[in-house]
């Protein structure tokens, strides 16, 4: 009978698991990029009370915030192929699983970012919009050049926390067949029977990634604060 814990095996396995970190980072970056775009669109739709669309967006946000991420993951990754097949697509399961993951994570995080951006936009002084329009700017230009930049600066801490949340949520994507660090650890553990060492490695990698995101958020917030003080 072997020892209960092998530090040597943990060290030996670390580079193998770390080699899969690119999948985790790719999913986080791509999902967060589209989630920010989606979140801004939803936030502006609800703020401007666009008829019918604002109700649809409100229901969407409620669904996203009211159901577990794992349920949403299964709905998209296992349910969407059935829907596509029903509408005539011959082999929807030939679509790479990671594309479904991009979709569901973008939709999931977009619901949270929508509320973050809605609060930040509403926190911008209404006089900013009025001043922009008074000098001839269209509503689109006023939002993109005046309101949204200020809203994003205020939302940096919350958006940084959202990136951390997205990063940690990637630990669930192995459930739908995407080979990432968790999936590799599961496969290695089925042969070595040393799951403890492997999952400690995974925990260390996630801690380091989250620390880097938090550090980047703090640096971005500090740079923004310095820029504002210089301008003023």
C-alpha atoms as a PDB file:
ATOM      1  CA  UNK A   1       0.000   0.000   0.000  1.00  0.00           C
ATOM      2  CA  UNK A   2       1.427   3.381  -1.005  1.00  0.00           C
ATOM      3  CA  UNK A   3       1.675   6.537   1.019  1.00  0.00           C
ATOM      4  CA  UNK A   4      -1.411   8.696   1.475  1.00  0.00           C
ATOM      5  CA  UNK A   5       0.286  11.649  -0.216  1.00  0.00           C
ATOM      6  CA  UNK A   6       3.173  11.872  -2.670  1.00  0.00           C
ATOM      7  CA  UNK A   7       4.802  15.275  -2.897  1.00  0.00           C
ATOM      8  CA  UNK A   8       7.042  13.913  -5.647  1.00  0.00           C
ATOM      9  CA  UNK A   9       4.041  12.935  -7.785  1.00  0.00           C
ATOM     10  CA  UNK A  10       2.463  16.353  -7.211  1.00  0.00           C
ATOM     11  CA  UNK A  11       5.592  18.131  -8.447  1.00  0.00           C
ATOM     12  CA  UNK A  12       5.962  15.716 -11.365  1.00  0.00           C
ATOM     13  CA  UNK A  13       2.349  16.202 -12.480  1.00  0.00           C
ATOM     14  CA  UNK A  14       2.322  19.985 -12.227  1.00  0.00           C
ATOM     15  CA  UNK A  15       3.906  20.728 -15.668  1.00  0.00           C
ATOM     16  CA  UNK A  16       1.468  18.336 -17.381  1.00  0.00           C
ATOM     17  CA  UNK A  17      -1.545  20.073 -15.874  1.00  0.00           C
ATOM     18  CA  UNK A  18      -0.047  23.511 -16.468  1.00  0.00           C
ATOM     19  CA  UNK A  19       0.284  22.681 -20.169  1.00  0.00           C
ATOM     20  CA  UNK A  20      -3.527  22.741 -20.374  1.00  0.00           C
ATOM     21  CA  UNK A  21      -3.854  26.225 -18.880  1.00  0.00           C
ATOM     22  CA  UNK A  22      -4.104  27.727 -22.373  1.00  0.00           C
ATOM     23  CA  UNK A  23      -7.606  26.237 -22.724  1.00  0.00           C
ATOM     24  CA  UNK A  24      -8.680  27.879 -19.453  1.00  0.00           C
ATOM     25  CA  UNK A  25      -7.257  31.255 -20.479  1.00  0.00           C
ATOM     26  CA  UNK A  26      -8.727  31.046 -24.002  1.00  0.00           C
ATOM     27  CA  UNK A  27     -12.222  30.286 -22.713  1.00  0.00           C
ATOM     28  CA  UNK A  28     -11.984  33.090 -20.147  1.00  0.00           C
ATOM     29  CA  UNK A  29     -10.746  35.737 -22.591  1.00  0.00           C
ATOM     30  CA  UNK A  30     -13.130  34.902 -25.445  1.00  0.00           C
ATOM     31  CA  UNK A  31     -16.156  34.565 -23.159  1.00  0.00           C
ATOM     32  CA  UNK A  32     -15.411  37.770 -21.276  1.00  0.00           C
ATOM     33  CA  UNK A  33     -14.904  39.720 -24.509  1.00  0.00           C
ATOM     34  CA  UNK A  34     -18.316  38.793 -25.909  1.00  0.00           C
ATOM     35  CA  UNK A  35     -19.932  39.045 -22.467  1.00  0.00           C
ATOM     36  CA  UNK A  36     -18.841  42.684 -22.142  1.00  0.00           C
ATOM     37  CA  UNK A  37     -20.317  43.539 -25.553  1.00  0.00           C
ATOM     38  CA  UNK A  38     -23.546  41.703 -24.743  1.00  0.00           C
ATOM     39  CA  UNK A  39     -23.730  43.215 -21.264  1.00  0.00           C
ATOM     40  CA  UNK A  40     -23.367  46.767 -22.584  1.00  0.00           C
ATOM     41  CA  UNK A  41     -26.085  46.219 -25.198  1.00  0.00           C
ATOM     42  CA  UNK A  42     -28.479  44.818 -22.607  1.00  0.00           C
ATOM     43  CA  UNK A  43     -27.673  47.582 -20.108  1.00  0.00           C
ATOM     44  CA  UNK A  44     -28.337  50.324 -22.675  1.00  0.00           C
ATOM     45  CA  UNK A  45     -31.512  48.592 -23.850  1.00  0.00           C
ATOM     46  CA  UNK A  46     -32.898  48.503 -20.314  1.00  0.00           C
ATOM     47  CA  UNK A  47     -31.808  52.047 -19.442  1.00  0.00           C
ATOM     48  CA  UNK A  48     -33.422  53.496 -22.543  1.00  0.00           C
ATOM     49  CA  UNK A  49     -36.523  51.322 -22.024  1.00  0.00           C
ATOM     50  CA  UNK A  50     -36.641  50.168 -25.657  1.00  0.00           C
ATOM     51  CA  UNK A  51     -40.124  48.785 -26.156  1.00  0.00           C
ATOM     52  CA  UNK A  52     -40.466  45.003 -25.713  1.00  0.00           C
ATOM     53  CA  UNK A  53     -36.691  44.471 -25.901  1.00  0.00           C
ATOM     54  CA  UNK A  54     -36.204  45.793 -22.377  1.00  0.00           C
ATOM     55  CA  UNK A  55     -38.706  43.197 -21.105  1.00  0.00           C
ATOM     56  CA  UNK A  56     -36.925  40.422 -22.979  1.00  0.00           C
ATOM     57  CA  UNK A  57     -33.587  41.570 -21.541  1.00  0.00           C
ATOM     58  CA  UNK A  58     -35.036  41.690 -18.023  1.00  0.00           C
ATOM     59  CA  UNK A  59     -36.291  38.091 -18.350  1.00  0.00           C
ATOM     60  CA  UNK A  60     -32.919  37.005 -19.753  1.00  0.00           C
ATOM     61  CA  UNK A  61     -30.995  38.575 -16.864  1.00  0.00           C
ATOM     62  CA  UNK A  62     -33.385  37.037 -14.325  1.00  0.00           C
ATOM     63  CA  UNK A  63     -32.938  33.594 -15.898  1.00  0.00           C
ATOM     64  CA  UNK A  64     -29.146  33.861 -15.972  1.00  0.00           C
ATOM     65  CA  UNK A  65     -28.905  35.098 -12.390  1.00  0.00           C
ATOM     66  CA  UNK A  66     -31.543  32.678 -11.117  1.00  0.00           C
ATOM     67  CA  UNK A  67     -30.221  29.371 -12.479  1.00  0.00           C
ATOM     68  CA  UNK A  68     -26.928  27.555 -11.759  1.00  0.00           C
ATOM     69  CA  UNK A  69     -24.171  27.838 -14.345  1.00  0.00           C
ATOM     70  CA  UNK A  70     -23.936  24.053 -14.626  1.00  0.00           C
ATOM     71  CA  UNK A  71     -27.609  23.848 -15.639  1.00  0.00           C
ATOM     72  CA  UNK A  72     -27.041  26.502 -18.316  1.00  0.00           C
ATOM     73  CA  UNK A  73     -23.961  24.603 -19.503  1.00  0.00           C
ATOM     74  CA  UNK A  74     -25.950  21.402 -19.935  1.00  0.00           C
ATOM     75  CA  UNK A  75     -28.868  23.217 -21.590  1.00  0.00           C
ATOM     76  CA  UNK A  76     -26.633  24.676 -24.296  1.00  0.00           C
ATOM     77  CA  UNK A  77     -24.116  21.879 -24.786  1.00  0.00           C
ATOM     78  CA  UNK A  78     -26.587  18.979 -24.718  1.00  0.00           C
ATOM     79  CA  UNK A  79     -29.859  20.708 -25.565  1.00  0.00           C
ATOM     80  CA  UNK A  80     -28.809  22.904 -28.485  1.00  0.00           C
ATOM     81  CA  UNK A  81     -27.636  19.964 -30.679  1.00  0.00           C
ATOM     82  CA  UNK A  82     -31.137  18.487 -30.309  1.00  0.00           C
ATOM     83  CA  UNK A  83     -32.718  21.785 -31.355  1.00  0.00           C
ATOM     84  CA  UNK A  84     -30.347  22.190 -34.320  1.00  0.00           C
ATOM     85  CA  UNK A  85     -31.055  18.626 -35.392  1.00  0.00           C
ATOM     86  CA  UNK A  86     -34.813  19.284 -35.199  1.00  0.00           C
ATOM     87  CA  UNK A  87     -34.423  22.291 -37.524  1.00  0.00           C
ATOM     88  CA  UNK A  88     -32.588  20.263 -40.132  1.00  0.00           C
ATOM     89  CA  UNK A  89     -28.905  20.291 -39.255  1.00  0.00           C
ATOM     90  CA  UNK A  90     -27.618  16.807 -40.050  1.00  0.00           C
ATOM     91  CA  UNK A  91     -24.827  16.396 -37.509  1.00  0.00           C
ATOM     92  CA  UNK A  92     -24.854  19.178 -34.893  1.00  0.00           C
ATOM     93  CA  UNK A  93     -22.695  17.122 -32.542  1.00  0.00           C
ATOM     94  CA  UNK A  94     -19.814  17.526 -34.995  1.00  0.00           C
ATOM     95  CA  UNK A  95     -19.548  21.144 -33.790  1.00  0.00           C
ATOM     96  CA  UNK A  96     -16.569  21.356 -31.389  1.00  0.00           C
ATOM     97  CA  UNK A  97     -17.695  21.393 -27.774  1.00  0.00           C
ATOM     98  CA  UNK A  98     -15.578  24.427 -26.995  1.00  0.00           C
ATOM     99  CA  UNK A  99     -17.776  26.563 -29.292  1.00  0.00           C
ATOM    100  CA  UNK A 100     -20.808  25.672 -27.192  1.00  0.00           C
ATOM    101  CA  UNK A 101     -18.762  26.559 -24.114  1.00  0.00           C
ATOM    102  CA  UNK A 102     -17.892  29.972 -25.591  1.00  0.00           C
ATOM    103  CA  UNK A 103     -21.592  30.568 -26.204  1.00  0.00           C
ATOM    104  CA  UNK A 104     -22.904  29.537 -22.806  1.00  0.00           C
ATOM    105  CA  UNK A 105     -20.179  31.316 -20.838  1.00  0.00           C
ATOM    106  CA  UNK A 106     -20.649  34.510 -22.852  1.00  0.00           C
ATOM    107  CA  UNK A 107     -24.388  34.396 -22.212  1.00  0.00           C
ATOM    108  CA  UNK A 108     -23.887  33.597 -18.522  1.00  0.00           C
ATOM    109  CA  UNK A 109     -21.360  36.321 -17.786  1.00  0.00           C
ATOM    110  CA  UNK A 110     -23.193  38.763 -20.060  1.00  0.00           C
ATOM    111  CA  UNK A 111     -26.168  38.634 -17.705  1.00  0.00           C
ATOM    112  CA  UNK A 112     -24.016  39.685 -14.762  1.00  0.00           C
ATOM    113  CA  UNK A 113     -22.054  42.303 -16.689  1.00  0.00           C
ATOM    114  CA  UNK A 114     -25.348  43.811 -17.875  1.00  0.00           C
ATOM    115  CA  UNK A 115     -26.234  44.643 -14.268  1.00  0.00           C
ATOM    116  CA  UNK A 116     -22.722  45.900 -13.513  1.00  0.00           C
ATOM    117  CA  UNK A 117     -22.772  48.235 -16.517  1.00  0.00           C
ATOM    118  CA  UNK A 118     -26.346  49.332 -15.919  1.00  0.00           C
ATOM    119  CA  UNK A 119     -25.428  50.510 -12.433  1.00  0.00           C
ATOM    120  CA  UNK A 120     -22.246  52.200 -13.662  1.00  0.00           C
ATOM    121  CA  UNK A 121     -24.007  54.000 -16.528  1.00  0.00           C
ATOM    122  CA  UNK A 122     -26.743  55.235 -14.221  1.00  0.00           C
ATOM    123  CA  UNK A 123     -24.037  56.498 -11.849  1.00  0.00           C
ATOM    124  CA  UNK A 124     -22.667  58.842 -14.534  1.00  0.00           C
ATOM    125  CA  UNK A 125     -24.019  62.365 -14.072  1.00  0.00           C
ATOM    126  CA  UNK A 126     -26.965  62.929 -16.424  1.00  0.00           C
ATOM    127  CA  UNK A 127     -25.511  66.334 -17.230  1.00  0.00           C
ATOM    128  CA  UNK A 128     -22.750  64.564 -19.180  1.00  0.00           C
ATOM    129  CA  UNK A 129     -25.265  63.231 -21.686  1.00  0.00           C
ATOM    130  CA  UNK A 130     -27.074  66.556 -21.888  1.00  0.00           C
ATOM    131  CA  UNK A 131     -23.802  68.409 -22.456  1.00  0.00           C
ATOM    132  CA  UNK A 132     -22.773  65.975 -25.200  1.00  0.00           C
ATOM    133  CA  UNK A 133     -26.079  66.390 -27.007  1.00  0.00           C
ATOM    134  CA  UNK A 134     -25.933  70.175 -26.645  1.00  0.00           C
ATOM    135  CA  UNK A 135     -22.761  70.284 -28.761  1.00  0.00           C
ATOM    136  CA  UNK A 136     -24.373  68.225 -31.523  1.00  0.00           C
ATOM    137  CA  UNK A 137     -23.428  64.654 -30.601  1.00  0.00           C
ATOM    138  CA  UNK A 138     -25.832  61.867 -31.486  1.00  0.00           C
ATOM    139  CA  UNK A 139     -27.019  59.509 -28.772  1.00  0.00           C
ATOM    140  CA  UNK A 140     -24.614  56.828 -30.037  1.00  0.00           C
ATOM    141  CA  UNK A 141     -21.616  59.197 -29.990  1.00  0.00           C
ATOM    142  CA  UNK A 142     -22.552  60.535 -26.564  1.00  0.00           C
ATOM    143  CA  UNK A 143     -22.628  57.034 -25.117  1.00  0.00           C
ATOM    144  CA  UNK A 144     -19.486  55.726 -26.805  1.00  0.00           C
ATOM    145  CA  UNK A 145     -17.345  58.860 -26.327  1.00  0.00           C
ATOM    146  CA  UNK A 146     -18.621  60.313 -23.061  1.00  0.00           C
ATOM    147  CA  UNK A 147     -20.817  58.057 -20.940  1.00  0.00           C
ATOM    148  CA  UNK A 148     -19.406  54.555 -21.458  1.00  0.00           C
ATOM    149  CA  UNK A 149     -15.732  55.485 -20.846  1.00  0.00           C
ATOM    150  CA  UNK A 150     -16.717  56.967 -17.486  1.00  0.00           C
ATOM    151  CA  UNK A 151     -18.949  53.991 -16.705  1.00  0.00           C
ATOM    152  CA  UNK A 152     -16.158  51.535 -17.490  1.00  0.00           C
ATOM    153  CA  UNK A 153     -13.764  53.360 -15.165  1.00  0.00           C
ATOM    154  CA  UNK A 154     -16.249  53.063 -12.324  1.00  0.00           C
ATOM    155  CA  UNK A 155     -16.934  49.417 -13.170  1.00  0.00           C
ATOM    156  CA  UNK A 156     -13.296  48.252 -13.193  1.00  0.00           C
ATOM    157  CA  UNK A 157     -13.352  46.596  -9.716  1.00  0.00           C
ATOM    158  CA  UNK A 158     -16.649  44.811 -10.421  1.00  0.00           C
ATOM    159  CA  UNK A 159     -15.518  43.732 -13.895  1.00  0.00           C
ATOM    160  CA  UNK A 160     -12.278  42.414 -12.400  1.00  0.00           C
ATOM    161  CA  UNK A 161     -14.305  40.297  -9.967  1.00  0.00           C
ATOM    162  CA  UNK A 162     -16.378  39.081 -12.904  1.00  0.00           C
ATOM    163  CA  UNK A 163     -13.255  37.927 -14.743  1.00  0.00           C
ATOM    164  CA  UNK A 164     -12.220  35.980 -11.634  1.00  0.00           C
ATOM    165  CA  UNK A 165     -15.684  34.413 -11.523  1.00  0.00           C
ATOM    166  CA  UNK A 166     -15.430  33.456 -15.202  1.00  0.00           C
ATOM    167  CA  UNK A 167     -11.986  31.981 -14.640  1.00  0.00           C
ATOM    168  CA  UNK A 168     -13.219  29.790 -11.796  1.00  0.00           C
ATOM    169  CA  UNK A 169     -16.307  28.728 -13.748  1.00  0.00           C
ATOM    170  CA  UNK A 170     -14.055  27.155 -16.391  1.00  0.00           C
ATOM    171  CA  UNK A 171     -13.417  24.361 -13.882  1.00  0.00           C
ATOM    172  CA  UNK A 172     -16.850  22.988 -14.878  1.00  0.00           C
ATOM    173  CA  UNK A 173     -16.405  22.792 -18.635  1.00  0.00           C
ATOM    174  CA  UNK A 174     -14.823  19.339 -18.462  1.00  0.00           C
ATOM    175  CA  UNK A 175     -18.357  18.068 -17.734  1.00  0.00           C
ATOM    176  CA  UNK A 176     -19.255  18.596 -21.385  1.00  0.00           C
ATOM    177  CA  UNK A 177     -16.157  16.931 -22.815  1.00  0.00           C
ATOM    178  CA  UNK A 178     -13.764  19.878 -23.186  1.00  0.00           C
ATOM    179  CA  UNK A 179     -10.261  18.748 -22.325  1.00  0.00           C
ATOM    180  CA  UNK A 180      -8.832  21.277 -19.888  1.00  0.00           C
ATOM    181  CA  UNK A 181      -6.829  21.070 -16.662  1.00  0.00           C
ATOM    182  CA  UNK A 182      -9.684  19.420 -14.739  1.00  0.00           C
ATOM    183  CA  UNK A 183     -10.281  16.836 -17.440  1.00  0.00           C
ATOM    184  CA  UNK A 184      -6.582  16.026 -17.645  1.00  0.00           C
ATOM    185  CA  UNK A 185      -6.421  15.684 -13.850  1.00  0.00           C
ATOM    186  CA  UNK A 186      -9.417  13.340 -13.934  1.00  0.00           C
ATOM    187  CA  UNK A 187      -7.776  11.145 -16.582  1.00  0.00           C
ATOM    188  CA  UNK A 188      -4.433  11.087 -14.780  1.00  0.00           C
ATOM    189  CA  UNK A 189      -6.130  10.294 -11.487  1.00  0.00           C
ATOM    190  CA  UNK A 190      -7.988   7.326 -12.989  1.00  0.00           C
ATOM    191  CA  UNK A 191      -4.615   5.703 -13.711  1.00  0.00           C
ATOM    192  CA  UNK A 192      -2.539   6.816 -10.719  1.00  0.00           C
ATOM    193  CA  UNK A 193      -5.315   6.890  -8.076  1.00  0.00           C
ATOM    194  CA  UNK A 194      -3.659  10.015  -6.697  1.00  0.00           C
ATOM    195  CA  UNK A 195      -6.431  12.553  -7.082  1.00  0.00           C
ATOM    196  CA  UNK A 196      -5.419  14.593  -4.022  1.00  0.00           C
ATOM    197  CA  UNK A 197      -2.050  15.596  -5.465  1.00  0.00           C
ATOM    198  CA  UNK A 198      -3.570  16.444  -8.843  1.00  0.00           C
ATOM    199  CA  UNK A 199      -6.335  18.614  -7.434  1.00  0.00           C
ATOM    200  CA  UNK A 200      -3.879  20.459  -5.211  1.00  0.00           C
ATOM    201  CA  UNK A 201      -1.919  21.253  -8.385  1.00  0.00           C
ATOM    202  CA  UNK A 202      -5.133  22.521 -10.004  1.00  0.00           C
ATOM    203  CA  UNK A 203      -5.905  24.668  -6.957  1.00  0.00           C
ATOM    204  CA  UNK A 204      -2.438  26.234  -7.045  1.00  0.00           C
ATOM    205  CA  UNK A 205      -2.785  27.066 -10.746  1.00  0.00           C
ATOM    206  CA  UNK A 206      -6.203  28.667 -10.251  1.00  0.00           C
ATOM    207  CA  UNK A 207      -4.970  30.660  -7.254  1.00  0.00           C
ATOM    208  CA  UNK A 208      -2.072  32.023  -9.330  1.00  0.00           C
ATOM    209  CA  UNK A 209      -4.355  32.905 -12.258  1.00  0.00           C
ATOM    210  CA  UNK A 210      -6.860  34.671  -9.997  1.00  0.00           C
ATOM    211  CA  UNK A 211      -4.047  36.554  -8.277  1.00  0.00           C
ATOM    212  CA  UNK A 212      -2.766  37.786 -11.653  1.00  0.00           C
ATOM    213  CA  UNK A 213      -6.251  38.956 -12.641  1.00  0.00           C
ATOM    214  CA  UNK A 214      -6.686  40.781  -9.328  1.00  0.00           C
ATOM    215  CA  UNK A 215      -3.239  42.340  -9.673  1.00  0.00           C
ATOM    216  CA  UNK A 216      -4.048  43.493 -13.213  1.00  0.00           C
ATOM    217  CA  UNK A 217      -7.342  44.954 -12.011  1.00  0.00           C
ATOM    218  CA  UNK A 218      -5.609  46.898  -9.235  1.00  0.00           C
ATOM    219  CA  UNK A 219      -2.982  48.245 -11.657  1.00  0.00           C
ATOM    220  CA  UNK A 220      -5.652  49.276 -14.173  1.00  0.00           C
ATOM    221  CA  UNK A 221      -7.672  50.969 -11.450  1.00  0.00           C
ATOM    222  CA  UNK A 222      -4.579  52.818 -10.203  1.00  0.00           C
ATOM    223  CA  UNK A 223      -3.644  53.959 -13.725  1.00  0.00           C
ATOM    224  CA  UNK A 224      -7.192  55.209 -14.280  1.00  0.00           C
ATOM    225  CA  UNK A 225      -7.136  57.078 -10.978  1.00  0.00           C
ATOM    226  CA  UNK A 226      -3.782  58.697 -11.827  1.00  0.00           C
ATOM    227  CA  UNK A 227      -5.048  59.686 -15.279  1.00  0.00           C
ATOM    228  CA  UNK A 228      -8.146  61.295 -13.770  1.00  0.00           C
ATOM    229  CA  UNK A 229      -6.097  63.246 -11.237  1.00  0.00           C
ATOM    230  CA  UNK A 230      -3.756  64.440 -14.016  1.00  0.00           C
ATOM    231  CA  UNK A 231      -6.663  65.613 -16.171  1.00  0.00           C
ATOM    232  CA  UNK A 232      -8.324  67.405 -13.271  1.00  0.00           C
END
